[in-house]
Amino acid sequence: MKMEKDHCERRKLIPERVIEDLRHEGTTVTYEEAETILKFVQTIARIAVNQYLSGRLEDL
């Protein structure tokens, strides 16, 4: 259980992680831009999950 929690903590998306990951790719963003990027990614993920689940429910 501890290994699973450690893995989740390392993969957690926070603005600092977005800034660092993008910097490694050669893109510089501010903290506020990183927050906006995270909100956008969360919105897209929520839409994708809802569409997937809607399709699955229609198949029943």
N, C-alpha and C. Protein backbone atom coordinates (compact mmCIF):
# COMPACT_ATOMS: atom_id res chain seq x y z
N MET A 1 0.83 -1.19 0.00
CA MET A 1 0.00 0.00 0.00
C MET A 1 0.87 1.26 0.00
N LYS A 2 2.00 1.22 0.74
CA LYS A 2 2.87 2.38 0.80
C LYS A 2 3.49 2.67 -0.56
N MET A 3 3.88 1.61 -1.30
CA MET A 3 4.48 1.82 -2.62
C MET A 3 3.46 2.48 -3.55
N GLU A 4 2.19 2.06 -3.46
CA GLU A 4 1.14 2.65 -4.29
C GLU A 4 0.97 4.13 -3.96
N LYS A 5 0.99 4.47 -2.69
CA LYS A 5 0.85 5.87 -2.27
C LYS A 5 2.05 6.68 -2.75
N ASP A 6 3.26 6.15 -2.62
CA ASP A 6 4.45 6.85 -3.08
C ASP A 6 4.38 7.11 -4.57
N HIS A 7 3.91 6.12 -5.34
CA HIS A 7 3.78 6.27 -6.78
C HIS A 7 2.80 7.39 -7.12
N CYS A 8 1.66 7.43 -6.41
CA CYS A 8 0.66 8.47 -6.65
C CYS A 8 1.22 9.85 -6.31
N GLU A 9 1.97 9.95 -5.25
CA GLU A 9 2.55 11.24 -4.86
C GLU A 9 3.55 11.73 -5.91
N ARG A 10 4.33 10.83 -6.48
CA ARG A 10 5.30 11.22 -7.50
C ARG A 10 4.61 11.65 -8.78
N ARG A 11 3.46 11.09 -9.09
CA ARG A 11 2.76 11.37 -10.33
C ARG A 11 1.76 12.51 -10.20
N LYS A 12 1.56 13.02 -9.01
CA LYS A 12 0.58 14.08 -8.77
C LYS A 12 0.94 15.32 -9.58
N LEU A 13 -0.04 15.83 -10.30
CA LEU A 13 0.21 17.01 -11.11
C LEU A 13 -0.05 18.26 -10.28
N ILE A 14 0.99 19.01 -10.09
CA ILE A 14 0.91 20.29 -9.39
C ILE A 14 1.61 21.31 -10.29
N PRO A 15 1.31 22.59 -10.10
CA PRO A 15 1.91 23.60 -10.97
C PRO A 15 3.43 23.51 -11.05
N GLU A 16 4.08 23.24 -9.95
CA GLU A 16 5.55 23.14 -9.96
C GLU A 16 6.02 22.02 -10.88
N ARG A 17 5.30 20.92 -10.88
CA ARG A 17 5.66 19.78 -11.74
C ARG A 17 5.46 20.14 -13.21
N VAL A 18 4.36 20.84 -13.51
CA VAL A 18 4.10 21.27 -14.89
C VAL A 18 5.22 22.19 -15.36
N ILE A 19 5.60 23.14 -14.51
CA ILE A 19 6.68 24.07 -14.85
C ILE A 19 7.96 23.31 -15.15
N GLU A 20 8.31 22.37 -14.29
CA GLU A 20 9.54 21.61 -14.46
C GLU A 20 9.50 20.74 -15.72
N ASP A 21 8.38 20.02 -15.92
CA ASP A 21 8.27 19.15 -17.09
C ASP A 21 8.35 19.95 -18.39
N LEU A 22 7.67 21.08 -18.43
CA LEU A 22 7.70 21.89 -19.64
C LEU A 22 9.07 22.52 -19.86
N ARG A 23 9.73 22.88 -18.77
CA ARG A 23 11.08 23.45 -18.88
C ARG A 23 12.03 22.44 -19.52
N HIS A 24 11.87 21.17 -19.14
CA HIS A 24 12.70 20.12 -19.73
C HIS A 24 12.44 19.97 -21.23
N GLU A 25 11.25 20.36 -21.66
CA GLU A 25 10.91 20.31 -23.09
C GLU A 25 11.25 21.61 -23.81
N GLY A 26 11.78 22.59 -23.06
CA GLY A 26 12.19 23.85 -23.67
C GLY A 26 11.15 24.94 -23.64
N THR A 27 10.10 24.77 -22.84
CA THR A 27 9.03 25.76 -22.74
C THR A 27 9.01 26.35 -21.34
N THR A 28 8.97 27.66 -21.26
CA THR A 28 8.92 28.34 -19.97
C THR A 28 7.51 28.86 -19.73
N VAL A 29 6.95 28.52 -18.58
CA VAL A 29 5.62 29.02 -18.20
C VAL A 29 5.68 29.55 -16.78
N THR A 30 4.78 30.48 -16.48
CA THR A 30 4.68 31.03 -15.13
C THR A 30 3.84 30.08 -14.27
N TYR A 31 3.84 30.34 -12.98
CA TYR A 31 3.03 29.55 -12.06
C TYR A 31 1.55 29.66 -12.44
N GLU A 32 1.10 30.85 -12.75
CA GLU A 32 -0.30 31.07 -13.12
C GLU A 32 -0.64 30.33 -14.42
N GLU A 33 0.27 30.34 -15.39
CA GLU A 33 0.05 29.60 -16.63
C GLU A 33 -0.02 28.10 -16.36
N ALA A 34 0.82 27.62 -15.47
CA ALA A 34 0.80 26.20 -15.11
C ALA A 34 -0.53 25.83 -14.47
N GLU A 35 -1.07 26.70 -13.63
CA GLU A 35 -2.38 26.44 -13.02
C GLU A 35 -3.47 26.37 -14.08
N THR A 36 -3.41 27.27 -15.06
CA THR A 36 -4.38 27.28 -16.15
C THR A 36 -4.27 26.00 -16.97
N ILE A 37 -3.06 25.57 -17.25
CA ILE A 37 -2.84 24.33 -17.99
C ILE A 37 -3.44 23.15 -17.23
N LEU A 38 -3.22 23.09 -15.92
CA LEU A 38 -3.77 22.00 -15.12
C LEU A 38 -5.29 22.00 -15.13
N LYS A 39 -5.91 23.17 -15.02
CA LYS A 39 -7.37 23.25 -15.05
C LYS A 39 -7.90 22.76 -16.39
N PHE A 40 -7.21 23.12 -17.47
CA PHE A 40 -7.62 22.68 -18.81
C PHE A 40 -7.50 21.16 -18.93
N VAL A 41 -6.39 20.61 -18.48
CA VAL A 41 -6.18 19.16 -18.56
C VAL A 41 -7.24 18.43 -17.73
N GLN A 42 -7.56 18.96 -16.56
CA GLN A 42 -8.59 18.33 -15.72
C GLN A 42 -9.95 18.37 -16.41
N THR A 43 -10.27 19.47 -17.06
CA THR A 43 -11.53 19.59 -17.78
C THR A 43 -11.60 18.59 -18.92
N ILE A 44 -10.53 18.50 -19.71
CA ILE A 44 -10.50 17.56 -20.83
C ILE A 44 -10.61 16.12 -20.31
N ALA A 45 -9.92 15.81 -19.23
CA ALA A 45 -9.99 14.45 -18.65
C ALA A 45 -11.41 14.14 -18.19
N ARG A 46 -12.06 15.09 -17.55
CA ARG A 46 -13.43 14.87 -17.07
C ARG A 46 -14.37 14.62 -18.25
N ILE A 47 -14.21 15.40 -19.32
CA ILE A 47 -15.04 15.22 -20.52
C ILE A 47 -14.80 13.84 -21.13
N ALA A 48 -13.54 13.45 -21.24
CA ALA A 48 -13.19 12.15 -21.83
C ALA A 48 -13.79 11.00 -21.02
N VAL A 49 -13.69 11.07 -19.71
CA VAL A 49 -14.23 10.00 -18.86
C VAL A 49 -15.75 9.96 -18.99
N ASN A 50 -16.40 11.13 -18.98
CA ASN A 50 -17.86 11.17 -19.12
C ASN A 50 -18.31 10.59 -20.45
N GLN A 51 -17.61 10.93 -21.53
CA GLN A 51 -17.97 10.38 -22.84
C GLN A 51 -17.76 8.87 -22.88
N TYR A 52 -16.66 8.42 -22.31
CA TYR A 52 -16.40 6.98 -22.28
C TYR A 52 -17.49 6.25 -21.51
N LEU A 53 -17.84 6.77 -20.34
CA LEU A 53 -18.86 6.12 -19.52
C LEU A 53 -20.23 6.19 -20.18
N SER A 54 -20.53 7.28 -20.85
CA SER A 54 -21.81 7.39 -21.56
C SER A 54 -21.91 6.33 -22.64
N GLY A 55 -20.84 6.13 -23.38
CA GLY A 55 -20.82 5.11 -24.42
C GLY A 55 -20.98 3.72 -23.85
N ARG A 56 -20.35 3.47 -22.72
CA ARG A 56 -20.42 2.16 -22.08
C ARG A 56 -21.86 1.90 -21.59
N LEU A 57 -22.51 2.91 -21.05
CA LEU A 57 -23.87 2.74 -20.54
C LEU A 57 -24.84 2.49 -21.69
N GLU A 58 -24.61 3.10 -22.85
CA GLU A 58 -25.48 2.89 -24.01
C GLU A 58 -25.37 1.46 -24.53
N ASP A 59 -24.22 0.82 -24.31
CA ASP A 59 -24.01 -0.55 -24.78
C ASP A 59 -24.74 -1.58 -23.92
N LEU A 60 -25.19 -1.21 -22.74
CA LEU A 60 -25.84 -2.18 -21.84
C LEU A 60 -27.24 -2.53 -22.27
